[in-house]
Amino acid sequence: MTYELGAKAPKYQRIADELRRDIRDGTYPAGERLPAETALLDRFRAQFPTLSLPTLRQAIGLLRSEGLIGSRHGVGTFVTTSHRLQRRSRKRYGRVRADWQLLTSHLDHEILFAGHTTVPAHISDTGAFSPGEEVIARQRLLRDKDTGRPEELGVSYVPLAIGAGSYLEQTDVAPQALFLCVEELSGRRYAYARDQWTVRAAGPDESDLLSLASQDRMHEQPETIAHYRPHVSVAYINAAGPAQPIVSALQSARPGPVTTALGSASVLTFHRDNRIYEWTAATRLPID
C-alpha cells in the first residue's frame, strides 16, 4: 500500500512501494545492485502491461530521493548501506497549501463529533496541552469513495483560544485541511510539525466503526493491572564484536523472585524513529 492513495496511487508510486518493501525485507540487501531496468520492466509489466521506461525511472528516482538507493556511474544502481529518514510531509502539506483541499480529499469525510472536551492524558503528555485542559475535539471517519470501506478514524484537538465559537465546533466537514483552518483562525502560519506513531489494539467502539475483524479487536479495556497481560522482553545493545557472549550471559541468567511493594503499573507505548527509541506511559493501572 502506498503512503496516501493505496491502489489509486499512480503507477510509479505503486512500483516504488514494491521495491521499497523488497529493500526493507532483505530481498535487495544493503550494497546489492538492483536488477537492470529491462528486468524491472519485465517484472512490473506483468502487473502494469502498458508500463513505460520513463514511469519506471520515475519510481526509481523516488527511491533515490528517499536515500534508499544510489547510482554508481557506469556500474548500476545499488541499495545504500544507511537509509536517511525522508520527510514526506513537506510535499504533502505543500500540495494542500497550493490547492486548498483536504489532506485526504480522495476519501469521503464524516465528522462524528465536534465540540468541547477534556484533553486525554496521552495527548497532554506530548506537551501540546496542559493536563485536564478543555479543548475542541473533532472526531472523523474516512471511507473509500467507491466501496464505502472505512479507511481511517482520527481525532484532532484544537485549543479553545483558536477554535472557540468557530465552525470547528460544528459537525460539518471543514472546507479545507485542518491545519489551514487553524492558520486562518489564528492568523499564524505553521513553521514545522512533528509526528509520533504508536501501536495499540482498537477498542470496541473503534472496532465497530472501522469494521475490524474479531482478531483485531480489544474486547475489554484494562481497568486494573489484574486485567492486563503484560509483555516482557529483554533488550541489549548490539555493540561491535560477536554477540554470542551477550546472548550466553542472558541465557544463563536465572534471577530469583523479588518482593517489592508497588501501587501501580504503567502501560507503555513504544516509538522508534530511525535509531532513536522512546517509551511513553500510555496509562497507569492500579495494583489491587
Protein backbone atom coordinates (compact mmCIF):
# COMPACT_ATOMS: atom_id res chain seq x y z
CA MET A 1 0.00 0.00 0.00
CA THR A 2 1.26 3.48 -0.77
CA TYR A 3 1.59 6.18 1.85
CA GLU A 4 -1.51 8.07 0.75
CA LEU A 5 -3.67 6.65 -2.04
CA GLY A 6 -3.34 2.88 -1.92
CA ALA A 7 -4.49 1.17 -5.12
CA LYS A 8 -5.49 4.55 -6.56
CA ALA A 9 -1.92 5.83 -6.49
CA PRO A 10 -0.03 6.48 -9.73
CA LYS A 11 1.89 3.56 -11.25
CA TYR A 12 5.29 4.93 -10.29
CA GLN A 13 4.30 5.21 -6.62
CA ARG A 14 2.99 1.64 -6.53
CA ILE A 15 6.15 0.34 -8.19
CA ALA A 16 8.26 2.34 -5.73
CA ASP A 17 6.27 0.81 -2.86
CA GLU A 18 7.01 -2.73 -4.03
CA LEU A 19 10.71 -2.02 -4.48
CA ARG A 20 10.79 -0.29 -1.09
CA ARG A 21 9.33 -3.40 0.54
CA ASP A 22 11.88 -5.56 -1.29
CA ILE A 23 14.65 -3.45 0.20
CA ARG A 24 13.24 -3.49 3.72
CA ASP A 25 12.54 -7.23 3.81
CA GLY A 26 16.04 -8.05 2.55
CA THR A 27 15.22 -9.16 -0.99
CA TYR A 28 17.68 -6.47 -2.04
CA PRO A 29 20.07 -6.11 0.93
CA ALA A 30 22.33 -3.13 1.54
CA GLY A 31 25.09 -2.92 -1.03
CA GLU A 32 23.35 -5.13 -3.59
CA ARG A 33 22.80 -3.96 -7.13
CA LEU A 34 19.21 -3.58 -8.28
CA PRO A 35 18.14 -5.53 -11.38
CA ALA A 36 18.65 -3.78 -14.71
CA GLU A 37 15.86 -1.55 -16.00
CA THR A 38 14.94 -4.13 -18.64
CA ALA A 39 14.49 -6.80 -15.94
CA LEU A 40 12.39 -4.46 -13.81
CA LEU A 41 10.26 -3.60 -16.84
CA ASP A 42 9.60 -7.29 -17.46
CA ARG A 43 8.68 -7.79 -13.81
CA PHE A 44 6.26 -4.88 -13.46
CA ARG A 45 4.68 -5.19 -16.92
CA ALA A 46 3.07 -8.36 -15.59
CA GLN A 47 1.17 -6.02 -13.27
CA PHE A 48 1.07 -2.93 -15.48
CA PRO A 49 1.05 -4.07 -19.15
CA THR A 50 1.42 -0.53 -20.53
CA LEU A 51 4.30 0.43 -18.21
CA SER A 52 6.82 2.69 -19.91
CA LEU A 53 10.51 3.18 -19.17
CA PRO A 54 10.02 6.84 -18.07
CA THR A 55 7.43 5.72 -15.49
CA LEU A 56 9.80 3.06 -14.14
CA ARG A 57 12.58 5.62 -13.92
CA GLN A 58 10.23 7.92 -12.02
CA ALA A 59 9.73 5.18 -9.41
CA ILE A 60 13.48 4.61 -9.17
CA GLY A 61 14.01 8.34 -8.83
CA LEU A 62 11.57 8.44 -5.92
CA LEU A 63 13.57 5.78 -4.05
CA ARG A 64 16.76 7.66 -4.84
CA SER A 65 15.29 10.86 -3.36
CA GLU A 66 14.46 8.89 -0.20
CA GLY A 67 18.07 7.79 0.13
CA LEU A 68 17.24 4.09 -0.27
CA ILE A 69 19.30 3.64 -3.43
CA GLY A 70 22.19 5.35 -5.16
CA SER A 71 23.73 5.21 -8.62
CA ARG A 72 27.35 4.49 -9.50
CA HIS A 73 28.33 5.90 -12.86
CA GLY A 74 28.87 3.17 -15.39
CA VAL A 75 28.13 0.41 -12.86
CA GLY A 76 24.46 0.50 -11.87
CA THR A 77 22.05 1.31 -9.06
CA PHE A 78 22.71 -0.08 -5.58
CA VAL A 79 20.89 -0.26 -2.25
CA THR A 80 22.51 2.19 0.15
CA THR A 81 24.06 0.97 3.40
CA SER A 82 22.36 3.65 5.53
CA HIS A 83 18.86 4.95 4.89
CA ARG A 84 18.12 8.52 5.88
CA LEU A 85 14.65 9.42 7.08
CA GLN A 86 12.64 11.14 4.37
CA ARG A 87 10.31 13.95 5.42
CA ARG A 88 7.40 13.07 3.13
CA SER A 89 5.08 15.58 4.80
CA ARG A 90 6.83 18.52 3.12
CA LYS A 91 5.45 17.66 -0.32
CA ARG A 92 2.10 16.52 1.08
CA TYR A 93 1.42 19.68 3.06
CA GLY A 94 2.84 21.87 0.33
CA ARG A 95 0.41 20.38 -2.18
CA VAL A 96 -2.56 21.03 0.11
CA ARG A 97 -1.45 24.59 0.73
CA ALA A 98 -1.31 25.12 -3.01
CA ASP A 99 -4.74 23.69 -3.93
CA TRP A 100 -6.59 24.41 -0.64
CA GLN A 101 -8.07 20.93 -0.36
CA LEU A 102 -8.34 18.35 2.39
CA LEU A 103 -5.24 16.27 3.05
CA THR A 104 -7.24 13.15 2.19
CA SER A 105 -9.55 14.57 -0.46
CA HIS A 106 -9.66 11.16 -2.19
CA LEU A 107 -11.74 9.81 0.75
CA ASP A 108 -15.25 10.58 2.00
CA HIS A 109 -15.20 12.51 5.28
CA GLU A 110 -17.72 12.24 8.11
CA ILE A 111 -17.39 14.25 11.33
CA LEU A 112 -18.70 12.07 14.16
CA PHE A 113 -18.17 14.60 16.95
CA ALA A 114 -17.23 18.27 17.18
CA GLY A 115 -17.27 20.14 20.46
CA HIS A 116 -15.65 20.77 23.81
CA THR A 117 -13.95 18.01 25.80
CA THR A 118 -11.14 17.49 28.27
CA VAL A 119 -7.87 16.65 26.58
CA PRO A 120 -6.95 12.96 27.08
CA ALA A 121 -3.86 12.19 29.14
CA HIS A 122 -1.95 10.64 26.23
CA ILE A 123 -2.40 13.89 24.28
CA SER A 124 -1.42 16.20 27.15
CA ASP A 125 1.65 14.00 27.72
CA THR A 126 3.02 15.23 24.39
CA GLY A 127 3.35 18.72 25.88
CA ALA A 128 0.89 20.32 23.47
CA PHE A 129 -1.75 20.85 26.18
CA SER A 130 -1.89 21.08 29.96
CA PRO A 131 -3.37 18.08 31.81
CA GLY A 132 -7.14 18.45 32.14
CA GLU A 133 -7.28 21.38 29.70
CA GLU A 134 -10.58 21.97 27.89
CA VAL A 135 -10.17 21.80 24.11
CA ILE A 136 -12.17 21.42 20.91
CA ALA A 137 -12.15 17.86 19.59
CA ARG A 138 -13.11 16.81 16.07
CA GLN A 139 -13.52 13.07 15.52
CA ARG A 140 -13.59 12.00 11.88
CA LEU A 141 -14.23 8.78 9.98
CA LEU A 142 -12.84 8.49 6.45
CA ARG A 143 -14.19 6.00 3.92
CA ASP A 144 -13.26 4.85 0.44
CA LYS A 145 -15.45 6.76 -2.03
CA ASP A 146 -16.08 3.72 -4.23
CA THR A 147 -16.59 0.91 -1.71
CA GLY A 148 -17.59 2.79 1.45
CA ARG A 149 -14.97 0.80 3.37
CA PRO A 150 -13.65 2.61 6.48
CA GLU A 151 -10.04 3.71 5.99
CA GLU A 152 -9.21 5.97 8.93
CA LEU A 153 -10.60 7.02 12.30
CA GLY A 154 -8.99 10.01 13.97
CA VAL A 155 -9.42 12.87 16.40
CA SER A 156 -7.92 16.35 16.21
CA TYR A 157 -7.60 18.65 19.23
CA VAL A 158 -7.61 22.44 18.90
CA PRO A 159 -7.05 24.98 21.71
CA LEU A 160 -10.13 26.96 22.73
CA ALA A 161 -8.17 30.18 22.19
CA ILE A 162 -8.10 29.36 18.48
CA GLY A 163 -11.32 27.49 17.71
CA ALA A 164 -13.92 28.57 20.28
CA GLY A 165 -17.09 29.85 18.62
CA SER A 166 -15.88 28.89 15.15
CA TYR A 167 -17.07 26.40 12.55
CA LEU A 168 -14.71 23.84 14.10
CA GLU A 169 -17.40 23.27 16.76
CA GLN A 170 -19.84 22.13 14.05
CA THR A 171 -20.06 18.62 12.58
CA ASP A 172 -19.85 19.94 9.03
CA VAL A 173 -16.78 18.83 7.10
CA ALA A 174 -14.23 21.65 7.17
CA PRO A 175 -13.78 23.45 3.84
CA GLN A 176 -10.04 22.77 3.83
CA ALA A 177 -7.32 20.86 5.65
CA LEU A 178 -7.49 21.38 9.41
CA PHE A 179 -4.03 22.94 9.63
CA LEU A 180 -5.21 25.58 7.11
CA CYS A 181 -8.31 26.19 9.23
CA VAL A 182 -6.08 26.73 12.28
CA GLU A 183 -3.90 29.14 10.30
CA GLU A 184 -6.99 31.03 9.15
CA LEU A 185 -8.48 31.29 12.65
CA SER A 186 -5.23 32.09 14.45
CA GLY A 187 -3.67 34.40 11.86
CA ARG A 188 -0.43 32.45 12.19
CA ARG A 189 1.38 30.08 9.83
CA TYR A 190 2.78 26.66 10.63
CA ALA A 191 6.58 26.51 10.66
CA TYR A 192 7.08 22.80 11.41
CA ALA A 193 5.25 19.67 12.56
CA ARG A 194 6.28 16.54 14.45
CA ASP A 195 4.67 13.13 14.05
CA GLN A 196 4.76 10.40 16.68
CA TRP A 197 3.40 6.92 15.96
CA THR A 198 2.30 4.33 18.49
CA VAL A 199 0.53 0.99 18.05
CA ARG A 200 -2.30 -0.43 20.16
CA ALA A 201 -5.32 -2.66 19.78
CA ALA A 202 -8.57 -0.98 18.82
CA GLY A 203 -11.26 -0.54 21.43
CA PRO A 204 -14.80 -1.91 20.92
CA ASP A 205 -16.25 1.34 19.55
CA GLU A 206 -13.27 1.85 17.25
CA SER A 207 -13.51 -1.74 16.02
CA ASP A 208 -17.17 -1.27 15.10
CA LEU A 209 -16.54 1.99 13.27
CA LEU A 210 -13.60 0.52 11.34
CA SER A 211 -15.33 -2.84 10.71
CA LEU A 212 -12.34 -4.72 12.08
CA ALA A 213 -12.17 -8.49 12.19
CA SER A 214 -12.63 -10.10 15.58
CA GLN A 215 -8.93 -10.97 15.95
CA ASP A 216 -8.01 -7.29 15.66
CA ARG A 217 -10.28 -6.17 18.48
CA MET A 218 -9.58 -5.42 22.11
CA HIS A 219 -12.85 -6.57 23.64
CA GLU A 220 -12.12 -5.36 27.14
CA GLN A 221 -10.10 -2.29 28.01
CA PRO A 222 -7.88 -2.99 31.06
CA GLU A 223 -9.13 -1.22 34.17
CA THR A 224 -6.71 -2.69 36.68
CA ILE A 225 -3.40 -4.48 36.49
CA ALA A 226 -5.29 -7.77 37.01
CA HIS A 227 -6.99 -7.27 33.63
CA TYR A 228 -3.78 -6.51 31.77
CA ARG A 229 -1.41 -9.18 30.48
CA PRO A 230 1.98 -7.50 30.03
CA HIS A 231 4.63 -8.48 27.53
CA VAL A 232 8.13 -8.56 28.99
CA SER A 233 11.23 -8.51 26.82
CA VAL A 234 14.96 -8.24 27.34
CA ALA A 235 16.90 -5.79 25.19
CA TYR A 236 20.63 -5.27 24.84
CA ILE A 237 22.92 -3.11 22.76
CA ASN A 238 24.38 -4.88 19.77
CA ALA A 239 27.84 -3.41 20.14
CA ALA A 240 30.79 -4.10 17.89
CA GLY A 241 32.10 -7.65 18.16
CA PRO A 242 30.46 -11.08 18.44
CA ALA A 243 27.03 -11.18 20.02
CA GLN A 244 27.25 -14.74 21.37
CA PRO A 245 28.88 -13.79 24.72
CA ILE A 246 25.99 -11.41 25.38
CA VAL A 247 23.41 -13.99 24.35
CA SER A 248 25.04 -16.64 26.52
CA ALA A 249 25.08 -14.31 29.51
CA LEU A 250 21.37 -13.57 29.08
CA GLN A 251 20.52 -17.25 28.70
CA SER A 252 22.48 -18.22 31.81
CA ALA A 253 20.88 -15.55 34.00
CA ARG A 254 18.47 -17.12 36.48
CA PRO A 255 17.22 -14.30 38.68
CA GLY A 256 15.34 -15.30 41.79
CA PRO A 257 11.97 -13.87 42.82
CA VAL A 258 11.98 -10.35 44.21
CA THR A 259 9.29 -9.00 46.52
CA THR A 260 8.53 -5.29 46.33
CA ALA A 261 5.58 -3.02 47.11
CA LEU A 262 4.01 -1.35 44.05
CA GLY A 263 0.93 0.81 43.95
CA SER A 264 0.50 0.94 40.19
CA ALA A 265 1.98 -0.12 36.87
CA SER A 266 2.31 1.82 33.63
CA VAL A 267 1.30 0.61 30.17
CA LEU A 268 3.91 1.92 27.78
CA THR A 269 3.75 2.84 24.10
CA PHE A 270 6.88 2.27 22.09
CA HIS A 271 8.12 4.69 19.44
CA ARG A 272 11.05 4.20 17.09
CA ASP A 273 12.34 6.95 14.81
CA ASN A 274 15.36 5.79 12.79
CA ARG A 275 17.72 4.78 15.62
CA ILE A 276 16.04 6.65 18.45
CA TYR A 277 13.83 4.62 20.81
CA GLU A 278 11.26 6.26 23.07
CA TRP A 279 8.82 4.85 25.61
CA THR A 280 5.80 6.85 26.71
CA ALA A 281 3.39 5.96 29.52
CA ALA A 282 0.00 5.48 27.85
CA THR A 283 -1.92 4.84 31.07
CA ARG A 284 -1.37 3.98 34.71
CA LEU A 285 -3.18 0.99 36.16
CA PRO A 286 -3.76 0.50 39.92
CA ILE A 287 -2.48 -2.69 41.50
CA ASP A 288 -5.02 -4.31 43.78
